[in-house]
Amino acid sequence: FAELHAAVPGLPLASSRVLPGIVLRRDFAAYCPSEGELRALLVTEPLRPALTAPGVEFVVVSESQFQASLRWITKRTEALMKHLQSNNVKLLLSSVKQEEVVIYCAKLYGVSVVECLSSEEMALISEITGVSPYTPFGDNMDREITETAVVTFCQPLLLVSKRCVHIGFTSVCAFQPHCLILCGPVEGVNEQHAAALREAFTMLQQLFETVDQ
């Protein structure tokens, strides 16, 4: 329930509504509008390529070597984004904050990015779509990316002064997610309404479980 409702103080209760899909309460790190159905990728680690293997120290001895390293990182990141583009990936959903070079290259190749998703949000998206987080594969840029989720729409959503991301997924299970936008004059009233609704949903869930048995 926590991931499927958003409390919006400062608006009358009558402004409350139910939206299809899910609402992520954060703004795009990069937004590239795209019409129609698109592919999304879940990531749980930085996509900026590392200069060395884990546990190996990389020592820069000159400014020219430092600049060459930055160029290599940018080139590798561009190659990855180009590979995502060739696999029709237009959206990255990341549980970690990506570095500026990743955001720059994502904008360059028309890939939207949403960062810092919680583990609960990532788990919910995985449950809805049936896909697992993507793991970068180093120098192998020819492998087809199969860990993609189908997204029916992806757009900004403004809740009073809070910029959010509104996404619709094609569900692989009977569960069709909808998000409750719960409005109220002050935060305390919203919390009371949310708690009451959660208890009501819990009661209904228990009732239907009993009937199923």
C-alpha atoms as a PDB file:
ATOM      1  CA  PHE A   1       0.000   0.000   0.000  1.00  0.00           C
ATOM      2  CA  ALA A   2       2.862   2.403   0.777  1.00  0.00           C
ATOM      3  CA  GLU A   3       4.092   2.175  -2.838  1.00  0.00           C
ATOM      4  CA  LEU A   4       0.581   2.437  -4.301  1.00  0.00           C
ATOM      5  CA  HIS A   5      -0.621   5.673  -2.760  1.00  0.00           C
ATOM      6  CA  ALA A   6       0.627   9.249  -2.643  1.00  0.00           C
ATOM      7  CA  ALA A   7      -0.538  11.762  -0.031  1.00  0.00           C
ATOM      8  CA  VAL A   8      -0.950  15.332  -1.296  1.00  0.00           C
ATOM      9  CA  PRO A   9      -1.586  17.938   1.437  1.00  0.00           C
ATOM     10  CA  GLY A  10      -3.021  21.342   0.584  1.00  0.00           C
ATOM     11  CA  LEU A  11      -5.860  20.160  -1.659  1.00  0.00           C
ATOM     12  CA  PRO A  12      -9.495  19.311  -0.826  1.00  0.00           C
ATOM     13  CA  LEU A  13     -10.419  15.667  -0.346  1.00  0.00           C
ATOM     14  CA  ALA A  14     -12.585  15.851  -3.476  1.00  0.00           C
ATOM     15  CA  SER A  15      -9.401  16.186  -5.549  1.00  0.00           C
ATOM     16  CA  SER A  16      -8.414  12.624  -4.656  1.00  0.00           C
ATOM     17  CA  ARG A  17      -8.348  10.212  -7.585  1.00  0.00           C
ATOM     18  CA  VAL A  18      -7.161   6.815  -8.755  1.00  0.00           C
ATOM     19  CA  LEU A  19      -4.568   6.664 -11.542  1.00  0.00           C
ATOM     20  CA  PRO A  20      -3.617   3.571 -13.575  1.00  0.00           C
ATOM     21  CA  GLY A  21      -0.035   2.405 -13.151  1.00  0.00           C
ATOM     22  CA  ILE A  22       2.289   3.571 -10.391  1.00  0.00           C
ATOM     23  CA  VAL A  23       3.501   6.985  -9.261  1.00  0.00           C
ATOM     24  CA  LEU A  24       7.141   7.335  -8.224  1.00  0.00           C
ATOM     25  CA  ARG A  25       7.550  10.296  -5.880  1.00  0.00           C
ATOM     26  CA  ARG A  26      10.699  11.708  -7.469  1.00  0.00           C
ATOM     27  CA  ASP A  27      11.555  13.641 -10.612  1.00  0.00           C
ATOM     28  CA  PHE A  28      13.282  12.388 -13.750  1.00  0.00           C
ATOM     29  CA  ALA A  29      17.067  12.660 -13.697  1.00  0.00           C
ATOM     30  CA  ALA A  30      16.721  12.718 -17.497  1.00  0.00           C
ATOM     31  CA  TYR A  31      13.476  12.941 -19.433  1.00  0.00           C
ATOM     32  CA  CYS A  32      13.237  12.135 -23.135  1.00  0.00           C
ATOM     33  CA  PRO A  33       9.581  12.087 -24.259  1.00  0.00           C
ATOM     34  CA  SER A  34       8.645   8.990 -26.214  1.00  0.00           C
ATOM     35  CA  GLU A  35       5.308   8.116 -27.793  1.00  0.00           C
ATOM     36  CA  GLY A  36       3.710   4.711 -27.628  1.00  0.00           C
ATOM     37  CA  GLU A  37       4.960   1.536 -26.031  1.00  0.00           C
ATOM     38  CA  LEU A  38       8.565   1.441 -24.842  1.00  0.00           C
ATOM     39  CA  ARG A  39      11.008  -0.819 -23.011  1.00  0.00           C
ATOM     40  CA  ALA A  40      12.326  -0.225 -19.491  1.00  0.00           C
ATOM     41  CA  LEU A  41      15.380  -1.622 -17.731  1.00  0.00           C
ATOM     42  CA  LEU A  42      15.864  -2.044 -13.977  1.00  0.00           C
ATOM     43  CA  VAL A  43      19.388  -1.448 -12.659  1.00  0.00           C
ATOM     44  CA  THR A  44      20.809  -1.764  -9.151  1.00  0.00           C
ATOM     45  CA  GLU A  45      24.374  -0.564  -9.739  1.00  0.00           C
ATOM     46  CA  PRO A  46      26.162   2.376 -11.386  1.00  0.00           C
ATOM     47  CA  LEU A  47      26.387   2.093 -15.162  1.00  0.00           C
ATOM     48  CA  ARG A  48      29.555   4.170 -15.394  1.00  0.00           C
ATOM     49  CA  PRO A  49      32.313   1.708 -16.365  1.00  0.00           C
ATOM     50  CA  ALA A  50      35.098   1.132 -13.848  1.00  0.00           C
ATOM     51  CA  LEU A  51      38.696   1.757 -14.861  1.00  0.00           C
ATOM     52  CA  THR A  52      39.941  -1.260 -12.917  1.00  0.00           C
ATOM     53  CA  ALA A  53      38.688  -4.498 -11.467  1.00  0.00           C
ATOM     54  CA  PRO A  54      37.395  -4.467  -7.866  1.00  0.00           C
ATOM     55  CA  GLY A  55      40.240  -4.318  -5.355  1.00  0.00           C
ATOM     56  CA  VAL A  56      42.765  -3.082  -7.917  1.00  0.00           C
ATOM     57  CA  GLU A  57      44.225   0.395  -7.400  1.00  0.00           C
ATOM     58  CA  PHE A  58      44.329   2.760 -10.375  1.00  0.00           C
ATOM     59  CA  VAL A  59      47.027   5.439 -10.135  1.00  0.00           C
ATOM     60  CA  VAL A  60      46.912   8.536 -12.358  1.00  0.00           C
ATOM     61  CA  VAL A  61      50.396   9.970 -12.884  1.00  0.00           C
ATOM     62  CA  SER A  62      49.650  12.847 -15.262  1.00  0.00           C
ATOM     63  CA  GLU A  63      46.924  15.218 -16.405  1.00  0.00           C
ATOM     64  CA  SER A  64      46.979  13.692 -19.893  1.00  0.00           C
ATOM     65  CA  GLN A  65      46.415  10.216 -18.432  1.00  0.00           C
ATOM     66  CA  PHE A  66      43.531  11.572 -16.369  1.00  0.00           C
ATOM     67  CA  GLN A  67      41.908  13.176 -19.429  1.00  0.00           C
ATOM     68  CA  ALA A  68      42.420   9.984 -21.434  1.00  0.00           C
ATOM     69  CA  SER A  69      40.681   8.023 -18.660  1.00  0.00           C
ATOM     70  CA  LEU A  70      37.715  10.398 -18.733  1.00  0.00           C
ATOM     71  CA  ARG A  71      37.457  10.058 -22.512  1.00  0.00           C
ATOM     72  CA  TRP A  72      37.514   6.269 -22.214  1.00  0.00           C
ATOM     73  CA  ILE A  73      34.748   6.342 -19.591  1.00  0.00           C
ATOM     74  CA  THR A  74      32.607   8.610 -21.760  1.00  0.00           C
ATOM     75  CA  LYS A  75      33.180   6.459 -24.844  1.00  0.00           C
ATOM     76  CA  ARG A  76      32.262   3.252 -22.988  1.00  0.00           C
ATOM     77  CA  THR A  77      29.162   4.851 -21.478  1.00  0.00           C
ATOM     78  CA  GLU A  78      28.075   6.106 -24.901  1.00  0.00           C
ATOM     79  CA  ALA A  79      28.556   2.594 -26.319  1.00  0.00           C
ATOM     80  CA  LEU A  80      26.340   1.163 -23.570  1.00  0.00           C
ATOM     81  CA  MET A  81      23.592   3.736 -24.171  1.00  0.00           C
ATOM     82  CA  LYS A  82      23.768   3.113 -27.901  1.00  0.00           C
ATOM     83  CA  HIS A  83      23.381  -0.607 -27.196  1.00  0.00           C
ATOM     84  CA  LEU A  84      20.341   0.100 -25.004  1.00  0.00           C
ATOM     85  CA  GLN A  85      18.872   2.255 -27.771  1.00  0.00           C
ATOM     86  CA  SER A  86      19.397  -0.516 -30.332  1.00  0.00           C
ATOM     87  CA  ASN A  87      17.441  -2.844 -28.000  1.00  0.00           C
ATOM     88  CA  ASN A  88      14.577  -0.306 -27.827  1.00  0.00           C
ATOM     89  CA  VAL A  89      15.269   0.558 -24.183  1.00  0.00           C
ATOM     90  CA  LYS A  90      13.935   4.074 -23.553  1.00  0.00           C
ATOM     91  CA  LEU A  91      13.713   4.080 -19.735  1.00  0.00           C
ATOM     92  CA  LEU A  92      16.171   3.267 -16.939  1.00  0.00           C
ATOM     93  CA  LEU A  93      14.797   2.675 -13.443  1.00  0.00           C
ATOM     94  CA  SER A  94      17.730   2.752 -11.040  1.00  0.00           C
ATOM     95  CA  SER A  95      17.929   2.005  -7.335  1.00  0.00           C
ATOM     96  CA  VAL A  96      21.222   3.952  -7.137  1.00  0.00           C
ATOM     97  CA  LYS A  97      22.199   7.449  -8.181  1.00  0.00           C
ATOM     98  CA  GLN A  98      23.908   7.415 -11.561  1.00  0.00           C
ATOM     99  CA  GLU A  99      26.866   9.646 -12.352  1.00  0.00           C
ATOM    100  CA  GLU A 100      26.679  12.710 -14.567  1.00  0.00           C
ATOM    101  CA  VAL A 101      28.303  10.978 -17.539  1.00  0.00           C
ATOM    102  CA  VAL A 102      25.509   8.362 -17.517  1.00  0.00           C
ATOM    103  CA  ILE A 103      22.812  11.054 -17.418  1.00  0.00           C
ATOM    104  CA  TYR A 104      24.559  12.980 -20.215  1.00  0.00           C
ATOM    105  CA  CYS A 105      24.802   9.920 -22.464  1.00  0.00           C
ATOM    106  CA  ALA A 106      21.226   8.882 -21.641  1.00  0.00           C
ATOM    107  CA  LYS A 107      19.937  12.265 -22.865  1.00  0.00           C
ATOM    108  CA  LEU A 108      22.167  11.946 -25.929  1.00  0.00           C
ATOM    109  CA  TYR A 109      20.528   8.652 -26.915  1.00  0.00           C
ATOM    110  CA  GLY A 110      16.956   9.427 -25.864  1.00  0.00           C
ATOM    111  CA  VAL A 111      16.840   7.315 -22.698  1.00  0.00           C
ATOM    112  CA  SER A 112      14.887   8.628 -19.701  1.00  0.00           C
ATOM    113  CA  VAL A 113      16.319   7.956 -16.235  1.00  0.00           C
ATOM    114  CA  VAL A 114      14.676   7.722 -12.809  1.00  0.00           C
ATOM    115  CA  GLU A 115      17.112   7.305  -9.896  1.00  0.00           C
ATOM    116  CA  CYS A 116      17.123   6.307  -6.239  1.00  0.00           C
ATOM    117  CA  LEU A 117      14.145   3.960  -6.245  1.00  0.00           C
ATOM    118  CA  SER A 118      13.620   2.161  -2.953  1.00  0.00           C
ATOM    119  CA  SER A 119      14.039  -1.595  -2.631  1.00  0.00           C
ATOM    120  CA  GLU A 120      10.263  -1.852  -2.114  1.00  0.00           C
ATOM    121  CA  GLU A 121       9.575   0.025  -5.356  1.00  0.00           C
ATOM    122  CA  MET A 122      12.052  -2.131  -7.269  1.00  0.00           C
ATOM    123  CA  ALA A 123      10.471  -5.296  -5.840  1.00  0.00           C
ATOM    124  CA  LEU A 124       6.988  -4.080  -6.801  1.00  0.00           C
ATOM    125  CA  ILE A 125       8.059  -3.318 -10.379  1.00  0.00           C
ATOM    126  CA  SER A 126       9.740  -6.733 -10.636  1.00  0.00           C
ATOM    127  CA  GLU A 127       6.547  -8.404  -9.393  1.00  0.00           C
ATOM    128  CA  ILE A 128       4.394  -6.515 -11.893  1.00  0.00           C
ATOM    129  CA  THR A 129       6.670  -7.025 -14.909  1.00  0.00           C
ATOM    130  CA  GLY A 130       8.332 -10.333 -14.086  1.00  0.00           C
ATOM    131  CA  VAL A 131      11.813  -8.975 -14.911  1.00  0.00           C
ATOM    132  CA  SER A 132      14.958  -8.940 -12.796  1.00  0.00           C
ATOM    133  CA  PRO A 133      17.508  -6.119 -12.594  1.00  0.00           C
ATOM    134  CA  TYR A 134      19.931  -5.882 -15.483  1.00  0.00           C
ATOM    135  CA  THR A 135      23.628  -6.605 -14.967  1.00  0.00           C
ATOM    136  CA  PRO A 136      26.123  -4.851 -17.274  1.00  0.00           C
ATOM    137  CA  PHE A 137      28.177  -7.319 -19.257  1.00  0.00           C
ATOM    138  CA  GLY A 138      31.531  -5.579 -19.706  1.00  0.00           C
ATOM    139  CA  ASP A 139      33.015  -5.766 -23.173  1.00  0.00           C
ATOM    140  CA  ASN A 140      30.213  -7.881 -24.651  1.00  0.00           C
ATOM    141  CA  MET A 141      28.081  -5.294 -26.438  1.00  0.00           C
ATOM    142  CA  ASP A 142      26.474  -7.737 -28.865  1.00  0.00           C
ATOM    143  CA  ARG A 143      24.268  -9.685 -26.462  1.00  0.00           C
ATOM    144  CA  GLU A 144      20.566  -9.000 -26.805  1.00  0.00           C
ATOM    145  CA  ILE A 145      19.067  -7.429 -23.709  1.00  0.00           C
ATOM    146  CA  THR A 146      16.156  -9.587 -22.584  1.00  0.00           C
ATOM    147  CA  GLU A 147      15.580  -8.222 -19.055  1.00  0.00           C
ATOM    148  CA  THR A 148      13.196  -5.495 -20.228  1.00  0.00           C
ATOM    149  CA  ALA A 149       9.744  -4.501 -19.034  1.00  0.00           C
ATOM    150  CA  VAL A 150       7.007  -3.234 -21.346  1.00  0.00           C
ATOM    151  CA  VAL A 151       5.887   0.305 -20.469  1.00  0.00           C
ATOM    152  CA  THR A 152       2.641   1.651 -21.943  1.00  0.00           C
ATOM    153  CA  PHE A 153       3.254   5.257 -20.881  1.00  0.00           C
ATOM    154  CA  CYS A 154       5.871   7.246 -18.974  1.00  0.00           C
ATOM    155  CA  GLN A 155       5.302  10.903 -18.166  1.00  0.00           C
ATOM    156  CA  PRO A 156       5.898  13.639 -15.583  1.00  0.00           C
ATOM    157  CA  LEU A 157       3.174  14.233 -13.017  1.00  0.00           C
ATOM    158  CA  LEU A 158       2.897  17.380 -10.900  1.00  0.00           C
ATOM    159  CA  LEU A 159       1.259  16.948  -7.488  1.00  0.00           C
ATOM    160  CA  VAL A 160       0.939  20.538  -6.231  1.00  0.00           C
ATOM    161  CA  SER A 161       4.652  21.495  -6.164  1.00  0.00           C
ATOM    162  CA  LYS A 162       6.058  17.946  -6.134  1.00  0.00           C
ATOM    163  CA  ARG A 163       7.363  16.573  -9.439  1.00  0.00           C
ATOM    164  CA  CYS A 164       6.675  12.850  -9.811  1.00  0.00           C
ATOM    165  CA  VAL A 165       6.975  10.129 -12.443  1.00  0.00           C
ATOM    166  CA  HIS A 166       3.833   8.359 -13.649  1.00  0.00           C
ATOM    167  CA  ILE A 167       4.435   4.975 -15.329  1.00  0.00           C
ATOM    168  CA  GLY A 168       2.131   2.323 -16.737  1.00  0.00           C
ATOM    169  CA  PHE A 169       3.424  -1.242 -16.994  1.00  0.00           C
ATOM    170  CA  THR A 170       2.146  -4.251 -18.894  1.00  0.00           C
ATOM    171  CA  SER A 171       1.556  -6.715 -16.080  1.00  0.00           C
ATOM    172  CA  VAL A 172       2.511 -10.380 -16.438  1.00  0.00           C
ATOM    173  CA  CYS A 173       0.132 -11.398 -13.637  1.00  0.00           C
ATOM    174  CA  ALA A 174      -3.473 -10.803 -12.646  1.00  0.00           C
ATOM    175  CA  PHE A 175      -2.429  -7.790 -10.557  1.00  0.00           C
ATOM    176  CA  GLN A 176      -3.092  -4.548 -12.475  1.00  0.00           C
ATOM    177  CA  PRO A 177      -1.514  -1.734 -10.418  1.00  0.00           C
ATOM    178  CA  HIS A 178      -3.324   1.527  -9.758  1.00  0.00           C
ATOM    179  CA  CYS A 179      -2.169   4.367  -7.536  1.00  0.00           C
ATOM    180  CA  LEU A 180      -4.365   6.310  -5.123  1.00  0.00           C
ATOM    181  CA  ILE A 181      -3.724  10.061  -5.071  1.00  0.00           C
ATOM    182  CA  LEU A 182      -5.042  10.951  -1.616  1.00  0.00           C
ATOM    183  CA  CYS A 183      -5.651  14.682  -1.104  1.00  0.00           C
ATOM    184  CA  GLY A 184      -6.455  16.532   2.113  1.00  0.00           C
ATOM    185  CA  PRO A 185      -6.085  19.980   3.679  1.00  0.00           C
ATOM    186  CA  VAL A 186      -3.173  19.005   5.964  1.00  0.00           C
ATOM    187  CA  GLU A 187      -0.730  16.118   6.259  1.00  0.00           C
ATOM    188  CA  GLY A 188      -2.282  14.760   9.456  1.00  0.00           C
ATOM    189  CA  VAL A 189      -5.697  14.325   7.812  1.00  0.00           C
ATOM    190  CA  ASN A 190      -4.063  12.529   4.884  1.00  0.00           C
ATOM    191  CA  GLU A 191      -2.305  10.137   7.262  1.00  0.00           C
ATOM    192  CA  GLN A 192      -5.618   9.334   8.997  1.00  0.00           C
ATOM    193  CA  HIS A 193      -7.378   8.676   5.686  1.00  0.00           C
ATOM    194  CA  ALA A 194      -4.478   6.531   4.426  1.00  0.00           C
ATOM    195  CA  ALA A 195      -4.474   4.456   7.605  1.00  0.00           C
ATOM    196  CA  ALA A 196      -8.250   3.938   7.396  1.00  0.00           C
ATOM    197  CA  LEU A 197      -8.045   2.891   3.740  1.00  0.00           C
ATOM    198  CA  ARG A 198      -5.196   0.511   4.433  1.00  0.00           C
ATOM    199  CA  GLU A 199      -7.194  -1.165   7.213  1.00  0.00           C
ATOM    200  CA  ALA A 200     -10.198  -1.440   4.889  1.00  0.00           C
ATOM    201  CA  PHE A 201      -8.107  -3.057   2.156  1.00  0.00           C
ATOM    202  CA  THR A 202      -6.572  -5.447   4.683  1.00  0.00           C
ATOM    203  CA  MET A 203     -10.049  -6.447   5.895  1.00  0.00           C
ATOM    204  CA  LEU A 204     -11.221  -7.050   2.305  1.00  0.00           C
ATOM    205  CA  GLN A 205      -8.100  -9.078   1.557  1.00  0.00           C
ATOM    206  CA  GLN A 206      -8.713 -11.280   4.589  1.00  0.00           C
ATOM    207  CA  LEU A 207     -12.390 -11.656   3.633  1.00  0.00           C
ATOM    208  CA  PHE A 208     -11.592 -12.811   0.103  1.00  0.00           C
ATOM    209  CA  GLU A 209      -8.915 -15.190   1.375  1.00  0.00           C
ATOM    210  CA  THR A 210     -11.529 -16.799   3.610  1.00  0.00           C
ATOM    211  CA  VAL A 211     -13.996 -17.088   0.727  1.00  0.00           C
ATOM    212  CA  ASP A 212     -11.334 -18.660  -1.519  1.00  0.00           C
ATOM    213  CA  GLN A 213     -10.666 -21.322   1.088  1.00  0.00           C
END
